[in-house]
Amino acid sequence: MFTFGLKCPVTYIDAFLANNFGFWYPDVILPDPVTSQNYIETSIKTYESIKIERNSLMPELEKLYDKIAIDTVQ
């Protein structure tokens, strides 16, 4: 855990602050009604410091979620 922090300090600090948001702003109502998402996010982002690789244990279920989220098959 700390090895990653030494390799990518900006990402590590950003993640730490994001995960402790409630301690920084205790009076905020979460999820924020203005920024909350009414959809399933299935896309993967690639950051400068780390690469996220998706490796689903249930690929058929993942395909179904993608169809619901992207193609709105429901």
PDB file of N, CA and C in Angstrom:
ATOM      1  N   MET A   1       0.823  -1.174   0.000  1.00  0.00           N
ATOM      2  CA  MET A   1       0.000   0.000   0.000  1.00  0.00           C
ATOM      3  C   MET A   1       0.876   1.250   0.000  1.00  0.00           C
ATOM      4  N   PHE A   2       1.836   1.316   0.851  1.00  0.00           N
ATOM      5  CA  PHE A   2       2.705   2.498   0.910  1.00  0.00           C
ATOM      6  C   PHE A   2       3.665   2.547  -0.271  1.00  0.00           C
ATOM      7  N   THR A   3       3.957   1.396  -0.859  1.00  0.00           N
ATOM      8  CA  THR A   3       4.816   1.368  -2.048  1.00  0.00           C
ATOM      9  C   THR A   3       4.145   2.120  -3.188  1.00  0.00           C
ATOM     10  N   PHE A   4       2.842   1.907  -3.349  1.00  0.00           N
ATOM     11  CA  PHE A   4       2.095   2.626  -4.379  1.00  0.00           C
ATOM     12  C   PHE A   4       2.107   4.127  -4.083  1.00  0.00           C
ATOM     13  N   GLY A   5       1.981   4.497  -2.818  1.00  0.00           N
ATOM     14  CA  GLY A   5       2.017   5.904  -2.433  1.00  0.00           C
ATOM     15  C   GLY A   5       3.333   6.567  -2.787  1.00  0.00           C
ATOM     16  N   LEU A   6       4.408   5.831  -2.697  1.00  0.00           N
ATOM     17  CA  LEU A   6       5.708   6.386  -3.057  1.00  0.00           C
ATOM     18  C   LEU A   6       5.874   6.494  -4.570  1.00  0.00           C
ATOM     19  N   LYS A   7       5.282   5.545  -5.319  1.00  0.00           N
ATOM     20  CA  LYS A   7       5.370   5.572  -6.776  1.00  0.00           C
ATOM     21  C   LYS A   7       4.501   6.677  -7.380  1.00  0.00           C
ATOM     22  N   CYS A   8       3.316   6.844  -6.824  1.00  0.00           N
ATOM     23  CA  CYS A   8       2.323   7.779  -7.393  1.00  0.00           C
ATOM     24  C   CYS A   8       1.750   8.656  -6.285  1.00  0.00           C
ATOM     25  N   PRO A   9       2.530   9.579  -5.749  1.00  0.00           N
ATOM     26  CA  PRO A   9       2.070  10.347  -4.591  1.00  0.00           C
ATOM     27  C   PRO A   9       0.834  11.207  -4.861  1.00  0.00           C
ATOM     28  N   VAL A  10       0.702  11.781  -6.053  1.00  0.00           N
ATOM     29  CA  VAL A  10      -0.455  12.642  -6.335  1.00  0.00           C
ATOM     30  C   VAL A  10      -1.744  11.820  -6.333  1.00  0.00           C
ATOM     31  N   THR A  11      -1.713  10.670  -6.992  1.00  0.00           N
ATOM     32  CA  THR A  11      -2.884   9.795  -7.029  1.00  0.00           C
ATOM     33  C   THR A  11      -3.217   9.289  -5.635  1.00  0.00           C
ATOM     34  N   TYR A  12      -2.206   8.937  -4.883  1.00  0.00           N
ATOM     35  CA  TYR A  12      -2.387   8.422  -3.528  1.00  0.00           C
ATOM     36  C   TYR A  12      -3.042   9.474  -2.634  1.00  0.00           C
ATOM     37  N   ILE A  13      -2.550  10.706  -2.698  1.00  0.00           N
ATOM     38  CA  ILE A  13      -3.099  11.789  -1.872  1.00  0.00           C
ATOM     39  C   ILE A  13      -4.511  12.132  -2.321  1.00  0.00           C
ATOM     40  N   ASP A  14      -4.743  12.175  -3.643  1.00  0.00           N
ATOM     41  CA  ASP A  14      -6.078  12.463  -4.164  1.00  0.00           C
ATOM     42  C   ASP A  14      -7.082  11.418  -3.695  1.00  0.00           C
ATOM     43  N   ALA A  15      -6.717  10.157  -3.752  1.00  0.00           N
ATOM     44  CA  ALA A  15      -7.603   9.084  -3.307  1.00  0.00           C
ATOM     45  C   ALA A  15      -7.867   9.175  -1.812  1.00  0.00           C
ATOM     46  N   PHE A  16      -6.842   9.481  -1.043  1.00  0.00           N
ATOM     47  CA  PHE A  16      -7.003   9.612   0.405  1.00  0.00           C
ATOM     48  C   PHE A  16      -7.989  10.732   0.728  1.00  0.00           C
ATOM     49  N   LEU A  17      -7.821  11.890   0.102  1.00  0.00           N
ATOM     50  CA  LEU A  17      -8.703  13.025   0.373  1.00  0.00           C
ATOM     51  C   LEU A  17     -10.127  12.754  -0.098  1.00  0.00           C
ATOM     52  N   ALA A  18     -10.275  12.106  -1.246  1.00  0.00           N
ATOM     53  CA  ALA A  18     -11.607  11.783  -1.759  1.00  0.00           C
ATOM     54  C   ALA A  18     -12.337  10.814  -0.844  1.00  0.00           C
ATOM     55  N   ASN A  19     -11.615   9.842  -0.298  1.00  0.00           N
ATOM     56  CA  ASN A  19     -12.232   8.852   0.586  1.00  0.00           C
ATOM     57  C   ASN A  19     -12.505   9.384   1.981  1.00  0.00           C
ATOM     58  N   ASN A  20     -11.971  10.540   2.308  1.00  0.00           N
ATOM     59  CA  ASN A  20     -12.207  11.161   3.608  1.00  0.00           C
ATOM     60  C   ASN A  20     -13.021  12.444   3.484  1.00  0.00           C
ATOM     61  N   PHE A  21     -13.753  12.564   2.377  1.00  0.00           N
ATOM     62  CA  PHE A  21     -14.528  13.764   2.089  1.00  0.00           C
ATOM     63  C   PHE A  21     -15.478  14.131   3.230  1.00  0.00           C
ATOM     64  N   GLY A  22     -16.112  13.127   3.818  1.00  0.00           N
ATOM     65  CA  GLY A  22     -17.069  13.360   4.901  1.00  0.00           C
ATOM     66  C   GLY A  22     -16.447  13.991   6.130  1.00  0.00           C
ATOM     67  N   PHE A  23     -15.174  13.752   6.369  1.00  0.00           N
ATOM     68  CA  PHE A  23     -14.505  14.369   7.515  1.00  0.00           C
ATOM     69  C   PHE A  23     -14.153  15.828   7.238  1.00  0.00           C
ATOM     70  N   TRP A  24     -13.908  16.157   5.964  1.00  0.00           N
ATOM     71  CA  TRP A  24     -13.559  17.531   5.607  1.00  0.00           C
ATOM     72  C   TRP A  24     -14.793  18.419   5.584  1.00  0.00           C
ATOM     73  N   TYR A  25     -15.926  17.862   5.135  1.00  0.00           N
ATOM     74  CA  TYR A  25     -17.172  18.624   5.031  1.00  0.00           C
ATOM     75  C   TYR A  25     -18.296  17.829   5.698  1.00  0.00           C
ATOM     76  N   PRO A  26     -18.371  17.861   7.035  1.00  0.00           N
ATOM     77  CA  PRO A  26     -19.327  17.004   7.747  1.00  0.00           C
ATOM     78  C   PRO A  26     -20.798  17.374   7.526  1.00  0.00           C
ATOM     79  N   ASP A  27     -21.107  18.600   7.108  1.00  0.00           N
ATOM     80  CA  ASP A  27     -22.501  19.012   6.946  1.00  0.00           C
ATOM     81  C   ASP A  27     -23.058  18.763   5.543  1.00  0.00           C
ATOM     82  N   VAL A  28     -22.253  18.212   4.654  1.00  0.00           N
ATOM     83  CA  VAL A  28     -22.695  17.971   3.286  1.00  0.00           C
ATOM     84  C   VAL A  28     -23.571  16.724   3.253  1.00  0.00           C
ATOM     85  N   ILE A  29     -24.656  16.800   2.501  1.00  0.00           N
ATOM     86  CA  ILE A  29     -25.547  15.652   2.336  1.00  0.00           C
ATOM     87  C   ILE A  29     -25.064  14.862   1.117  1.00  0.00           C
ATOM     88  N   LEU A  30     -24.706  13.599   1.348  1.00  0.00           N
ATOM     89  CA  LEU A  30     -24.227  12.745   0.259  1.00  0.00           C
ATOM     90  C   LEU A  30     -25.211  11.626   0.009  1.00  0.00           C
ATOM     91  N   PRO A  31     -25.437  11.197  -1.201  1.00  0.00           N
ATOM     92  CA  PRO A  31     -24.854  11.738  -2.421  1.00  0.00           C
ATOM     93  C   PRO A  31     -25.465  13.092  -2.741  1.00  0.00           C
ATOM     94  N   ASP A  32     -24.669  13.934  -3.339  1.00  0.00           N
ATOM     95  CA  ASP A  32     -25.094  15.269  -3.723  1.00  0.00           C
ATOM     96  C   ASP A  32     -26.167  15.151  -4.800  1.00  0.00           C
ATOM     97  N   PRO A  33     -27.367  15.706  -4.570  1.00  0.00           N
ATOM     98  CA  PRO A  33     -28.444  15.553  -5.558  1.00  0.00           C
ATOM     99  C   PRO A  33     -28.119  16.192  -6.908  1.00  0.00           C
ATOM    100  N   VAL A  34     -27.227  17.168  -6.934  1.00  0.00           N
ATOM    101  CA  VAL A  34     -26.879  17.829  -8.181  1.00  0.00           C
ATOM    102  C   VAL A  34     -25.909  16.979  -8.997  1.00  0.00           C
ATOM    103  N   THR A  35     -24.975  16.315  -8.332  1.00  0.00           N
ATOM    104  CA  THR A  35     -23.946  15.568  -9.048  1.00  0.00           C
ATOM    105  C   THR A  35     -24.143  14.057  -9.022  1.00  0.00           C
ATOM    106  N   SER A  36     -25.167  13.562  -8.350  1.00  0.00           N
ATOM    107  CA  SER A  36     -25.354  12.111  -8.292  1.00  0.00           C
ATOM    108  C   SER A  36     -25.731  11.583  -9.668  1.00  0.00           C
ATOM    109  N   GLN A  37     -25.342  10.338  -9.929  1.00  0.00           N
ATOM    110  CA  GLN A  37     -25.556   9.719 -11.227  1.00  0.00           C
ATOM    111  C   GLN A  37     -26.761   8.797 -11.165  1.00  0.00           C
ATOM    112  N   ASN A  38     -27.619   8.899 -12.147  1.00  0.00           N
ATOM    113  CA  ASN A  38     -28.782   8.022 -12.225  1.00  0.00           C
ATOM    114  C   ASN A  38     -28.564   6.920 -13.253  1.00  0.00           C
ATOM    115  N   TYR A  39     -27.325   6.459 -13.345  1.00  0.00           N
ATOM    116  CA  TYR A  39     -26.989   5.428 -14.318  1.00  0.00           C
ATOM    117  C   TYR A  39     -25.839   4.579 -13.781  1.00  0.00           C
ATOM    118  N   ILE A  40     -25.607   3.458 -14.426  1.00  0.00           N
ATOM    119  CA  ILE A  40     -24.515   2.568 -14.058  1.00  0.00           C
ATOM    120  C   ILE A  40     -23.308   2.948 -14.898  1.00  0.00           C
ATOM    121  N   GLU A  41     -22.202   3.265 -14.268  1.00  0.00           N
ATOM    122  CA  GLU A  41     -21.003   3.619 -15.019  1.00  0.00           C
ATOM    123  C   GLU A  41     -20.184   2.359 -15.268  1.00  0.00           C
ATOM    124  N   THR A  42     -19.968   2.059 -16.525  1.00  0.00           N
ATOM    125  CA  THR A  42     -19.248   0.832 -16.866  1.00  0.00           C
ATOM    126  C   THR A  42     -17.938   1.093 -17.575  1.00  0.00           C
ATOM    127  N   SER A  43     -17.651   2.344 -17.911  1.00  0.00           N
ATOM    128  CA  SER A  43     -16.417   2.636 -18.636  1.00  0.00           C
ATOM    129  C   SER A  43     -15.227   2.648 -17.691  1.00  0.00           C
ATOM    130  N   ILE A  44     -14.057   2.386 -18.240  1.00  0.00           N
ATOM    131  CA  ILE A  44     -12.822   2.385 -17.474  1.00  0.00           C
ATOM    132  C   ILE A  44     -11.997   3.586 -17.883  1.00  0.00           C
ATOM    133  N   LYS A  45     -11.475   4.280 -16.899  1.00  0.00           N
ATOM    134  CA  LYS A  45     -10.639   5.440 -17.174  1.00  0.00           C
ATOM    135  C   LYS A  45      -9.175   5.050 -17.040  1.00  0.00           C
ATOM    136  N   THR A  46      -8.342   5.646 -17.836  1.00  0.00           N
ATOM    137  CA  THR A  46      -6.909   5.437 -17.724  1.00  0.00           C
ATOM    138  C   THR A  46      -6.291   6.723 -17.194  1.00  0.00           C
ATOM    139  N   TYR A  47      -5.630   6.621 -16.091  1.00  0.00           N
ATOM    140  CA  TYR A  47      -4.995   7.777 -15.483  1.00  0.00           C
ATOM    141  C   TYR A  47      -3.529   7.828 -15.896  1.00  0.00           C
ATOM    142  N   GLU A  48      -2.918   8.986 -15.711  1.00  0.00           N
ATOM    143  CA  GLU A  48      -1.522   9.135 -16.098  1.00  0.00           C
ATOM    144  C   GLU A  48      -0.607   8.226 -15.278  1.00  0.00           C
ATOM    145  N   SER A  49      -0.904   8.106 -14.003  1.00  0.00           N
ATOM    146  CA  SER A  49       0.018   7.394 -13.124  1.00  0.00           C
ATOM    147  C   SER A  49      -0.280   5.901 -12.997  1.00  0.00           C
ATOM    148  N   ILE A  50      -1.528   5.501 -13.235  1.00  0.00           N
ATOM    149  CA  ILE A  50      -1.875   4.085 -13.124  1.00  0.00           C
ATOM    150  C   ILE A  50      -2.735   3.676 -14.313  1.00  0.00           C
ATOM    151  N   LYS A  51      -2.715   2.418 -14.645  1.00  0.00           N
ATOM    152  CA  LYS A  51      -3.580   1.893 -15.692  1.00  0.00           C
ATOM    153  C   LYS A  51      -4.523   0.890 -15.041  1.00  0.00           C
ATOM    154  N   ILE A  52      -5.804   1.094 -15.269  1.00  0.00           N
ATOM    155  CA  ILE A  52      -6.813   0.209 -14.700  1.00  0.00           C
ATOM    156  C   ILE A  52      -7.198  -0.802 -15.763  1.00  0.00           C
ATOM    157  N   GLU A  53      -7.081  -2.066 -15.436  1.00  0.00           N
ATOM    158  CA  GLU A  53      -7.432  -3.122 -16.379  1.00  0.00           C
ATOM    159  C   GLU A  53      -8.621  -3.886 -15.830  1.00  0.00           C
ATOM    160  N   ARG A  54      -9.648  -3.992 -16.621  1.00  0.00           N
ATOM    161  CA  ARG A  54     -10.854  -4.692 -16.187  1.00  0.00           C
ATOM    162  C   ARG A  54     -10.708  -6.180 -16.473  1.00  0.00           C
ATOM    163  N   ASN A  55     -10.950  -6.996 -15.448  1.00  0.00           N
ATOM    164  CA  ASN A  55     -10.847  -8.437 -15.583  1.00  0.00           C
ATOM    165  C   ASN A  55     -12.056  -9.048 -14.880  1.00  0.00           C
ATOM    166  N   SER A  56     -13.165  -9.132 -15.588  1.00  0.00           N
ATOM    167  CA  SER A  56     -14.417  -9.586 -15.000  1.00  0.00           C
ATOM    168  C   SER A  56     -14.411 -11.074 -14.709  1.00  0.00           C
ATOM    169  N   LEU A  57     -14.943 -11.443 -13.562  1.00  0.00           N
ATOM    170  CA  LEU A  57     -15.104 -12.854 -13.219  1.00  0.00           C
ATOM    171  C   LEU A  57     -16.422 -13.391 -13.777  1.00  0.00           C
ATOM    172  N   MET A  58     -17.314 -12.489 -14.186  1.00  0.00           N
ATOM    173  CA  MET A  58     -18.594 -12.868 -14.778  1.00  0.00           C
ATOM    174  C   MET A  58     -18.792 -12.061 -16.061  1.00  0.00           C
ATOM    175  N   PRO A  59     -18.112 -12.436 -17.149  1.00  0.00           N
ATOM    176  CA  PRO A  59     -18.172 -11.642 -18.374  1.00  0.00           C
ATOM    177  C   PRO A  59     -19.577 -11.529 -18.971  1.00  0.00           C
ATOM    178  N   GLU A  60     -20.391 -12.556 -18.841  1.00  0.00           N
ATOM    179  CA  GLU A  60     -21.753 -12.493 -19.387  1.00  0.00           C
ATOM    180  C   GLU A  60     -22.598 -11.482 -18.617  1.00  0.00           C
ATOM    181  N   LEU A  61     -22.437 -11.433 -17.304  1.00  0.00           N
ATOM    182  CA  LEU A  61     -23.156 -10.456 -16.500  1.00  0.00           C
ATOM    183  C   LEU A  61     -22.674  -9.039 -16.815  1.00  0.00           C
ATOM    184  N   GLU A  62     -21.375  -8.895 -17.033  1.00  0.00           N
ATOM    185  CA  GLU A  62     -20.816  -7.601 -17.411  1.00  0.00           C
ATOM    186  C   GLU A  62     -21.390  -7.132 -18.749  1.00  0.00           C
ATOM    187  N   LYS A  63     -21.529  -8.053 -19.711  1.00  0.00           N
ATOM    188  CA  LYS A  63     -22.121  -7.698 -21.005  1.00  0.00           C
ATOM    189  C   LYS A  63     -23.567  -7.238 -20.832  1.00  0.00           C
ATOM    190  N   LEU A  64     -24.315  -7.913 -19.946  1.00  0.00           N
ATOM    191  CA  LEU A  64     -25.693  -7.519 -19.671  1.00  0.00           C
ATOM    192  C   LEU A  64     -25.735  -6.111 -19.071  1.00  0.00           C
ATOM    193  N   TYR A  65     -24.863  -5.835 -18.109  1.00  0.00           N
ATOM    194  CA  TYR A  65     -24.808  -4.504 -17.501  1.00  0.00           C
ATOM    195  C   TYR A  65     -24.458  -3.442 -18.543  1.00  0.00           C
ATOM    196  N   ASP A  66     -23.533  -3.759 -19.426  1.00  0.00           N
ATOM    197  CA  ASP A  66     -23.180  -2.817 -20.492  1.00  0.00           C
ATOM    198  C   ASP A  66     -24.381  -2.542 -21.392  1.00  0.00           C
ATOM    199  N   LYS A  67     -25.134  -3.590 -21.737  1.00  0.00           N
ATOM    200  CA  LYS A  67     -26.314  -3.398 -22.573  1.00  0.00           C
ATOM    201  C   LYS A  67     -27.345  -2.526 -21.867  1.00  0.00           C
ATOM    202  N   ILE A  68     -27.542  -2.762 -20.580  1.00  0.00           N
ATOM    203  CA  ILE A  68     -28.504  -1.954 -19.826  1.00  0.00           C
ATOM    204  C   ILE A  68     -28.028  -0.513 -19.722  1.00  0.00           C
ATOM    205  N   ALA A  69     -26.733  -0.316 -19.462  1.00  0.00           N
ATOM    206  CA  ALA A  69     -26.207   1.018 -19.254  1.00  0.00           C
ATOM    207  C   ALA A  69     -26.022   1.796 -20.542  1.00  0.00           C
ATOM    208  N   ILE A  70     -25.610   1.132 -21.612  1.00  0.00           N
ATOM    209  CA  ILE A  70     -25.280   1.825 -22.849  1.00  0.00           C
ATOM    210  C   ILE A  70     -26.424   1.763 -23.857  1.00  0.00           C
ATOM    211  N   ASP A  71     -26.979   0.564 -24.062  1.00  0.00           N
ATOM    212  CA  ASP A  71     -28.006   0.381 -25.081  1.00  0.00           C
ATOM    213  C   ASP A  71     -29.426   0.558 -24.542  1.00  0.00           C
ATOM    214  N   THR A  72     -29.568   0.706 -23.242  1.00  0.00           N
ATOM    215  CA  THR A  72     -30.861   0.839 -22.554  1.00  0.00           C
ATOM    216  C   THR A  72     -31.851  -0.236 -23.020  1.00  0.00           C
ATOM    217  N   VAL A  73     -31.432  -1.488 -22.897  1.00  0.00           N
ATOM    218  CA  VAL A  73     -32.286  -2.613 -23.331  1.00  0.00           C
ATOM    219  C   VAL A  73     -33.449  -2.872 -22.377  1.00  0.00           C
ATOM    220  N   GLN A  74     -33.409  -2.291 -21.191  1.00  0.00           N
ATOM    221  CA  GLN A  74     -34.484  -2.582 -20.240  1.00  0.00           C
ATOM    222  C   GLN A  74     -35.794  -2.049 -20.770  1.00  0.00           C
TER     223      GLN A  74
END
